[in-house]
Structures are given as structure tokens and as C-alpha cells.
């Protein structure tokens, strides 16, 4: 078994909220220069940006989205 498999098995024992916290910490620890979104991801960002600029979509602050997800995860435990 690989280190990744071991880490995954350990992560499965965490609560959903703890798993999200782990994912967040892993994501934040990634070197910023190594990330390149796919062409499909970039196209989706451009589509959403056009929707926002046209007034068909409202922005939601990241903190609000994050807090909402965390509340839902905690309620599902």
C-alpha cells in the first residue's frame, strides 16, 4: 500500500467537517505556481464571469460559501 493509500484510509475516519478542513489545508499547501486550470475550467470561469457582468448572477463572498458548507456538514453528522 502507498503513502497516499494510507493517508486516504486515515482521512476516511475523519468527520465530514474534518475532511473538508484537511482538503482545505492540503489545497493551501500546494505550490501556487504548479496549478494550471484545464481549458474546460477556464471556459466555465469565463461563462460565469459573463453571467455576472450581465447582471444575471450575484457574487457570494467565499467566507459566506465556506461557512454555509461547514454548517451543512456539521448538521449532517
PDB file of N, CA and C in Angstrom:
ATOM      1  N   UNK A   1       0.841  -1.167   0.000  1.00  0.00           N
ATOM      2  CA  UNK A   1       0.000   0.000   0.000  1.00  0.00           C
ATOM      3  C   UNK A   1       0.896   1.242   0.000  1.00  0.00           C
ATOM      4  N   UNK A   2       0.480   2.286  -0.724  1.00  0.00           N
ATOM      5  CA  UNK A   2       1.287   3.502  -0.822  1.00  0.00           C
ATOM      6  C   UNK A   2       0.977   4.474   0.312  1.00  0.00           C
ATOM      7  N   UNK A   3       1.822   5.461   0.450  1.00  0.00           N
ATOM      8  CA  UNK A   3       1.574   6.509   1.445  1.00  0.00           C
ATOM      9  C   UNK A   3       0.252   7.212   1.185  1.00  0.00           C
ATOM     10  N   UNK A   4      -0.077   7.397  -0.085  1.00  0.00           N
ATOM     11  CA  UNK A   4      -1.340   8.052  -0.436  1.00  0.00           C
ATOM     12  C   UNK A   4      -2.517   7.189   0.010  1.00  0.00           C
ATOM     13  N   UNK A   5      -2.423   5.887  -0.209  1.00  0.00           N
ATOM     14  CA  UNK A   5      -3.492   4.985   0.229  1.00  0.00           C
ATOM     15  C   UNK A   5      -3.637   5.009   1.753  1.00  0.00           C
ATOM     16  N   UNK A   6      -2.510   5.010   2.448  1.00  0.00           N
ATOM     17  CA  UNK A   6      -2.546   5.077   3.910  1.00  0.00           C
ATOM     18  C   UNK A   6      -3.187   6.367   4.388  1.00  0.00           C
ATOM     19  N   UNK A   7      -2.810   7.468   3.763  1.00  0.00           N
ATOM     20  CA  UNK A   7      -3.377   8.766   4.151  1.00  0.00           C
ATOM     21  C   UNK A   7      -4.876   8.801   3.851  1.00  0.00           C
ATOM     22  N   UNK A   8      -5.277   8.228   2.723  1.00  0.00           N
ATOM     23  CA  UNK A   8      -6.700   8.204   2.376  1.00  0.00           C
ATOM     24  C   UNK A   8      -7.484   7.389   3.397  1.00  0.00           C
ATOM     25  N   UNK A   9      -6.973   6.245   3.769  1.00  0.00           N
ATOM     26  CA  UNK A   9      -7.657   5.430   4.775  1.00  0.00           C
ATOM     27  C   UNK A   9      -7.786   6.172   6.097  1.00  0.00           C
ATOM     28  N   UNK A  10      -6.729   6.872   6.491  1.00  0.00           N
ATOM     29  CA  UNK A  10      -6.784   7.651   7.728  1.00  0.00           C
ATOM     30  C   UNK A  10      -7.803   8.782   7.605  1.00  0.00           C
ATOM     31  N   UNK A  11      -7.853   9.421   6.458  1.00  0.00           N
ATOM     32  CA  UNK A  11      -8.779  10.536   6.254  1.00  0.00           C
ATOM     33  C   UNK A  11     -10.237  10.080   6.289  1.00  0.00           C
ATOM     34  N   UNK A  12     -10.492   8.846   5.897  1.00  0.00           N
ATOM     35  CA  UNK A  12     -11.862   8.341   5.910  1.00  0.00           C
ATOM     36  C   UNK A  12     -12.425   8.238   7.327  1.00  0.00           C
ATOM     37  N   UNK A  13     -11.562   8.192   8.331  1.00  0.00           N
ATOM     38  CA  UNK A  13     -12.040   8.100   9.707  1.00  0.00           C
ATOM     39  C   UNK A  13     -12.428   9.469  10.270  1.00  0.00           C
ATOM     40  N   UNK A  14     -12.136  10.533   9.528  1.00  0.00           N
ATOM     41  CA  UNK A  14     -12.473  11.882   9.974  1.00  0.00           C
ATOM     42  C   UNK A  14     -13.951  12.182   9.722  1.00  0.00           C
ATOM     43  N   UNK A  15     -14.484  13.124  10.482  1.00  0.00           N
ATOM     44  CA  UNK A  15     -15.849  13.582  10.231  1.00  0.00           C
ATOM     45  C   UNK A  15     -15.860  14.351   8.912  1.00  0.00           C
ATOM     46  N   UNK A  16     -17.025  14.543   8.304  1.00  0.00           N
ATOM     47  CA  UNK A  16     -17.070  15.338   7.063  1.00  0.00           C
ATOM     48  C   UNK A  16     -16.460  16.733   7.238  1.00  0.00           C
ATOM     49  N   UNK A  17     -16.728  17.387   8.347  1.00  0.00           N
ATOM     50  CA  UNK A  17     -16.160  18.724   8.577  1.00  0.00           C
ATOM     51  C   UNK A  17     -14.638  18.658   8.656  1.00  0.00           C
ATOM     52  N   UNK A  18     -14.106  17.632   9.313  1.00  0.00           N
ATOM     53  CA  UNK A  18     -12.655  17.474   9.409  1.00  0.00           C
ATOM     54  C   UNK A  18     -12.051  17.156   8.040  1.00  0.00           C
ATOM     55  N   UNK A  19     -12.760  16.386   7.223  1.00  0.00           N
ATOM     56  CA  UNK A  19     -12.277  16.083   5.880  1.00  0.00           C
ATOM     57  C   UNK A  19     -12.184  17.360   5.046  1.00  0.00           C
ATOM     58  N   UNK A  20     -13.193  18.222   5.161  1.00  0.00           N
ATOM     59  CA  UNK A  20     -13.160  19.496   4.431  1.00  0.00           C
ATOM     60  C   UNK A  20     -11.994  20.343   4.917  1.00  0.00           C
ATOM     61  N   UNK A  21     -11.776  20.357   6.231  1.00  0.00           N
ATOM     62  CA  UNK A  21     -10.652  21.108   6.790  1.00  0.00           C
ATOM     63  C   UNK A  21      -9.328  20.560   6.259  1.00  0.00           C
ATOM     64  N   UNK A  22      -9.203  19.245   6.172  1.00  0.00           N
ATOM     65  CA  UNK A  22      -7.989  18.623   5.647  1.00  0.00           C
ATOM     66  C   UNK A  22      -7.793  18.987   4.176  1.00  0.00           C
ATOM     67  N   UNK A  23      -8.854  18.896   3.409  1.00  0.00           N
ATOM     68  CA  UNK A  23      -8.771  19.250   1.981  1.00  0.00           C
ATOM     69  C   UNK A  23      -8.312  20.695   1.825  1.00  0.00           C
ATOM     70  N   UNK A  24      -8.893  21.571   2.624  1.00  0.00           N
ATOM     71  CA  UNK A  24      -8.527  22.986   2.570  1.00  0.00           C
ATOM     72  C   UNK A  24      -7.052  23.192   2.897  1.00  0.00           C
ATOM     73  N   UNK A  25      -6.585  22.525   3.937  1.00  0.00           N
ATOM     74  CA  UNK A  25      -5.181  22.669   4.320  1.00  0.00           C
ATOM     75  C   UNK A  25      -4.242  22.104   3.256  1.00  0.00           C
ATOM     76  N   UNK A  26      -4.621  20.979   2.663  1.00  0.00           N
ATOM     77  CA  UNK A  26      -3.801  20.408   1.590  1.00  0.00           C
ATOM     78  C   UNK A  26      -3.759  21.356   0.395  1.00  0.00           C
ATOM     79  N   UNK A  27      -4.919  21.883   0.031  1.00  0.00           N
ATOM     80  CA  UNK A  27      -5.008  22.788  -1.119  1.00  0.00           C
ATOM     81  C   UNK A  27      -4.143  24.024  -0.882  1.00  0.00           C
ATOM     82  N   UNK A  28      -4.238  24.590   0.323  1.00  0.00           N
ATOM     83  CA  UNK A  28      -3.471  25.795   0.642  1.00  0.00           C
ATOM     84  C   UNK A  28      -1.972  25.525   0.671  1.00  0.00           C
ATOM     85  N   UNK A  29      -1.579  24.288   0.913  1.00  0.00           N
ATOM     86  CA  UNK A  29      -0.156  23.967   0.977  1.00  0.00           C
ATOM     87  C   UNK A  29       0.454  23.704  -0.400  1.00  0.00           C
ATOM     88  N   UNK A  30      -0.374  23.612  -1.423  1.00  0.00           N
ATOM     89  CA  UNK A  30       0.134  23.341  -2.766  1.00  0.00           C
ATOM     90  C   UNK A  30       0.935  24.536  -3.285  1.00  0.00           C
ATOM     91  N   UNK A  31       2.045  24.275  -3.959  1.00  0.00           N
ATOM     92  CA  UNK A  31       2.794  25.387  -4.566  1.00  0.00           C
ATOM     93  C   UNK A  31       1.905  26.108  -5.577  1.00  0.00           C
ATOM     94  N   UNK A  32       1.841  27.397  -5.476  1.00  0.00           N
ATOM     95  CA  UNK A  32       0.931  28.191  -6.307  1.00  0.00           C
ATOM     96  C   UNK A  32       1.304  28.172  -7.785  1.00  0.00           C
ATOM     97  N   UNK A  33       2.558  27.965  -8.102  1.00  0.00           N
ATOM     98  CA  UNK A  33       2.998  28.015  -9.497  1.00  0.00           C
ATOM     99  C   UNK A  33       2.709  26.724 -10.257  1.00  0.00           C
ATOM    100  N   UNK A  34       2.389  25.644  -9.580  1.00  0.00           N
ATOM    101  CA  UNK A  34       2.178  24.359 -10.246  1.00  0.00           C
ATOM    102  C   UNK A  34       0.757  24.193 -10.765  1.00  0.00           C
ATOM    103  N   UNK A  35      -0.149  25.108 -10.410  1.00  0.00           N
ATOM    104  CA  UNK A  35      -1.549  24.935 -10.777  1.00  0.00           C
ATOM    105  C   UNK A  35      -1.842  25.562 -12.122  1.00  0.00           C
ATOM    106  N   UNK A  36      -2.493  24.795 -12.997  1.00  0.00           N
ATOM    107  CA  UNK A  36      -2.951  25.292 -14.297  1.00  0.00           C
ATOM    108  C   UNK A  36      -4.325  24.705 -14.534  1.00  0.00           C
ATOM    109  N   UNK A  37      -5.380  25.554 -14.489  1.00  0.00           N
ATOM    110  CA  UNK A  37      -6.719  25.016 -14.722  1.00  0.00           C
ATOM    111  C   UNK A  37      -6.845  24.467 -16.144  1.00  0.00           C
ATOM    112  N   UNK A  38      -7.735  23.517 -16.297  1.00  0.00           N
ATOM    113  CA  UNK A  38      -7.964  22.938 -17.621  1.00  0.00           C
ATOM    114  C   UNK A  38      -8.677  23.956 -18.513  1.00  0.00           C
ATOM    115  N   UNK A  39      -8.660  23.705 -19.805  1.00  0.00           N
ATOM    116  CA  UNK A  39      -9.368  24.576 -20.737  1.00  0.00           C
ATOM    117  C   UNK A  39     -10.863  24.612 -20.422  1.00  0.00           C
ATOM    118  N   UNK A  40     -11.425  23.478 -20.012  1.00  0.00           N
ATOM    119  CA  UNK A  40     -12.852  23.422 -19.662  1.00  0.00           C
ATOM    120  C   UNK A  40     -13.127  24.272 -18.421  1.00  0.00           C
ATOM    121  N   UNK A  41     -12.237  24.213 -17.433  1.00  0.00           N
ATOM    122  CA  UNK A  41     -12.407  25.036 -16.237  1.00  0.00           C
ATOM    123  C   UNK A  41     -12.330  26.516 -16.574  1.00  0.00           C
ATOM    124  N   UNK A  42     -11.368  26.886 -17.408  1.00  0.00           N
ATOM    125  CA  UNK A  42     -11.239  28.286 -17.807  1.00  0.00           C
ATOM    126  C   UNK A  42     -12.473  28.755 -18.574  1.00  0.00           C
ATOM    127  N   UNK A  43     -13.010  27.896 -19.426  1.00  0.00           N
ATOM    128  CA  UNK A  43     -14.220  28.250 -20.169  1.00  0.00           C
ATOM    129  C   UNK A  43     -15.392  28.468 -19.220  1.00  0.00           C
ATOM    130  N   UNK A  44     -15.495  27.655 -18.186  1.00  0.00           N
ATOM    131  CA  UNK A  44     -16.572  27.809 -17.199  1.00  0.00           C
ATOM    132  C   UNK A  44     -16.420  29.113 -16.423  1.00  0.00           C
ATOM    133  N   UNK A  45     -15.195  29.456 -16.050  1.00  0.00           N
ATOM    134  CA  UNK A  45     -14.961  30.727 -15.355  1.00  0.00           C
ATOM    135  C   UNK A  45     -15.365  31.894 -16.253  1.00  0.00           C
ATOM    136  N   UNK A  46     -14.986  31.834 -17.510  1.00  0.00           N
ATOM    137  CA  UNK A  46     -15.351  32.906 -18.444  1.00  0.00           C
ATOM    138  C   UNK A  46     -16.868  33.000 -18.614  1.00  0.00           C
ATOM    139  N   UNK A  47     -17.543  31.857 -18.687  1.00  0.00           N
ATOM    140  CA  UNK A  47     -19.002  31.853 -18.824  1.00  0.00           C
ATOM    141  C   UNK A  47     -19.644  32.492 -17.601  1.00  0.00           C
ATOM    142  N   UNK A  48     -19.191  32.106 -16.415  1.00  0.00           N
ATOM    143  CA  UNK A  48     -19.757  32.659 -15.185  1.00  0.00           C
ATOM    144  C   UNK A  48     -19.460  34.151 -15.057  1.00  0.00           C
ATOM    145  N   UNK A  49     -18.259  34.568 -15.453  1.00  0.00           N
ATOM    146  CA  UNK A  49     -17.908  35.977 -15.397  1.00  0.00           C
ATOM    147  C   UNK A  49     -18.824  36.783 -16.310  1.00  0.00           C
ATOM    148  N   UNK A  50     -19.111  36.264 -17.495  1.00  0.00           N
ATOM    149  CA  UNK A  50     -20.023  36.953 -18.425  1.00  0.00           C
ATOM    150  C   UNK A  50     -21.427  37.039 -17.821  1.00  0.00           C
ATOM    151  N   UNK A  51     -21.882  35.979 -17.162  1.00  0.00           N
ATOM    152  CA  UNK A  51     -23.189  35.993 -16.489  1.00  0.00           C
ATOM    153  C   UNK A  51     -23.216  37.055 -15.393  1.00  0.00           C
ATOM    154  N   UNK A  52     -22.140  37.135 -14.621  1.00  0.00           N
ATOM    155  CA  UNK A  52     -22.048  38.117 -13.549  1.00  0.00           C
ATOM    156  C   UNK A  52     -22.066  39.540 -14.116  1.00  0.00           C
ATOM    157  N   UNK A  53     -21.245  39.787 -15.126  1.00  0.00           N
ATOM    158  CA  UNK A  53     -21.165  41.124 -15.708  1.00  0.00           C
ATOM    159  C   UNK A  53     -22.485  41.541 -16.337  1.00  0.00           C
ATOM    160  N   UNK A  54     -23.256  40.577 -16.834  1.00  0.00           N
ATOM    161  CA  UNK A  54     -24.551  40.872 -17.459  1.00  0.00           C
ATOM    162  C   UNK A  54     -25.650  41.059 -16.412  1.00  0.00           C
ATOM    163  N   UNK A  55     -25.322  40.855 -15.135  1.00  0.00           N
ATOM    164  CA  UNK A  55     -26.303  41.036 -14.076  1.00  0.00           C
ATOM    165  C   UNK A  55     -27.240  39.858 -13.871  1.00  0.00           C
ATOM    166  N   UNK A  56     -26.895  38.711 -14.428  1.00  0.00           N
ATOM    167  CA  UNK A  56     -27.740  37.522 -14.286  1.00  0.00           C
ATOM    168  C   UNK A  56     -27.292  36.620 -13.140  1.00  0.00           C
ATOM    169  N   UNK A  57     -26.239  37.045 -12.440  1.00  0.00           N
ATOM    170  CA  UNK A  57     -25.694  36.259 -11.338  1.00  0.00           C
ATOM    171  C   UNK A  57     -25.120  37.226 -10.312  1.00  0.00           C
ATOM    172  N   UNK A  58     -25.283  36.897  -9.024  1.00  0.00           N
ATOM    173  CA  UNK A  58     -24.705  37.713  -7.967  1.00  0.00           C
ATOM    174  C   UNK A  58     -23.504  36.998  -7.365  1.00  0.00           C
ATOM    175  N   UNK A  59     -22.542  37.791  -6.948  1.00  0.00           N
ATOM    176  CA  UNK A  59     -21.358  37.230  -6.287  1.00  0.00           C
ATOM    177  C   UNK A  59     -21.686  36.920  -4.831  1.00  0.00           C
ATOM    178  N   UNK A  60     -21.085  35.847  -4.328  1.00  0.00           N
ATOM    179  CA  UNK A  60     -21.222  35.474  -2.926  1.00  0.00           C
ATOM    180  C   UNK A  60     -19.814  35.391  -2.359  1.00  0.00           C
ATOM    181  N   UNK A  61     -19.552  36.117  -1.260  1.00  0.00           N
ATOM    182  CA  UNK A  61     -18.196  36.067  -0.690  1.00  0.00           C
ATOM    183  C   UNK A  61     -17.804  34.640  -0.286  1.00  0.00           C
ATOM    184  N   UNK A  62     -16.520  34.293  -0.487  1.00  0.00           N
ATOM    185  CA  UNK A  62     -16.017  32.963  -0.175  1.00  0.00           C
ATOM    186  C   UNK A  62     -16.333  32.583   1.265  1.00  0.00           C
ATOM    187  N   UNK A  63     -16.160  33.513   2.194  1.00  0.00           N
ATOM    188  CA  UNK A  63     -16.404  33.214   3.599  1.00  0.00           C
ATOM    189  C   UNK A  63     -17.844  32.751   3.812  1.00  0.00           C
ATOM    190  N   UNK A  64     -18.777  33.381   3.118  1.00  0.00           N
ATOM    191  CA  UNK A  64     -20.187  33.009   3.247  1.00  0.00           C
ATOM    192  C   UNK A  64     -20.432  31.602   2.695  1.00  0.00           C
ATOM    193  N   UNK A  65     -19.850  31.305   1.556  1.00  0.00           N
ATOM    194  CA  UNK A  65     -19.985  29.966   0.962  1.00  0.00           C
ATOM    195  C   UNK A  65     -19.366  28.922   1.887  1.00  0.00           C
ATOM    196  N   UNK A  66     -18.151  29.179   2.333  1.00  0.00           N
ATOM    197  CA  UNK A  66     -17.439  28.248   3.210  1.00  0.00           C
ATOM    198  C   UNK A  66     -18.227  28.001   4.492  1.00  0.00           C
ATOM    199  N   UNK A  67     -18.689  29.075   5.134  1.00  0.00           N
ATOM    200  CA  UNK A  67     -19.449  28.928   6.379  1.00  0.00           C
ATOM    201  C   UNK A  67     -20.738  28.145   6.165  1.00  0.00           C
ATOM    202  N   UNK A  68     -21.393  28.371   5.056  1.00  0.00           N
ATOM    203  CA  UNK A  68     -22.630  27.651   4.744  1.00  0.00           C
ATOM    204  C   UNK A  68     -22.365  26.151   4.575  1.00  0.00           C
ATOM    205  N   UNK A  69     -21.313  25.811   3.861  1.00  0.00           N
ATOM    206  CA  UNK A  69     -20.962  24.401   3.659  1.00  0.00           C
ATOM    207  C   UNK A  69     -20.601  23.760   4.987  1.00  0.00           C
ATOM    208  N   UNK A  70     -19.825  24.462   5.800  1.00  0.00           N
ATOM    209  CA  UNK A  70     -19.420  23.904   7.089  1.00  0.00           C
ATOM    210  C   UNK A  70     -20.641  23.668   7.987  1.00  0.00           C
ATOM    211  N   UNK A  71     -21.595  24.604   7.995  1.00  0.00           N
ATOM    212  CA  UNK A  71     -22.813  24.418   8.799  1.00  0.00           C
ATOM    213  C   UNK A  71     -23.588  23.188   8.333  1.00  0.00           C
ATOM    214  N   UNK A  72     -23.726  23.031   7.029  1.00  0.00           N
ATOM    215  CA  UNK A  72     -24.448  21.866   6.499  1.00  0.00           C
ATOM    216  C   UNK A  72     -23.748  20.566   6.859  1.00  0.00           C
ATOM    217  N   UNK A  73     -22.420  20.551   6.767  1.00  0.00           N
ATOM    218  CA  UNK A  73     -21.679  19.338   7.119  1.00  0.00           C
ATOM    219  C   UNK A  73     -21.838  19.012   8.602  1.00  0.00           C
ATOM    220  N   UNK A  74     -21.772  20.024   9.444  1.00  0.00           N
ATOM    221  CA  UNK A  74     -21.905  19.791  10.882  1.00  0.00           C
ATOM    222  C   UNK A  74     -23.303  19.282  11.236  1.00  0.00           C
ATOM    223  N   UNK A  75     -24.318  19.758  10.529  1.00  0.00           N
ATOM    224  CA  UNK A  75     -25.694  19.313  10.791  1.00  0.00           C
ATOM    225  C   UNK A  75     -25.913  17.880  10.318  1.00  0.00           C
ATOM    226  N   UNK A  76     -25.123  17.436   9.339  1.00  0.00           N
ATOM    227  CA  UNK A  76     -25.316  16.078   8.800  1.00  0.00           C
ATOM    228  C   UNK A  76     -24.592  15.024   9.621  1.00  0.00           C
ATOM    229  N   UNK A  77     -23.796  15.446  10.598  1.00  0.00           N
ATOM    230  CA  UNK A  77     -23.030  14.480  11.407  1.00  0.00           C
ATOM    231  C   UNK A  77     -23.921  13.770  12.404  1.00  0.00           C
TER     232      UNK A  77
END
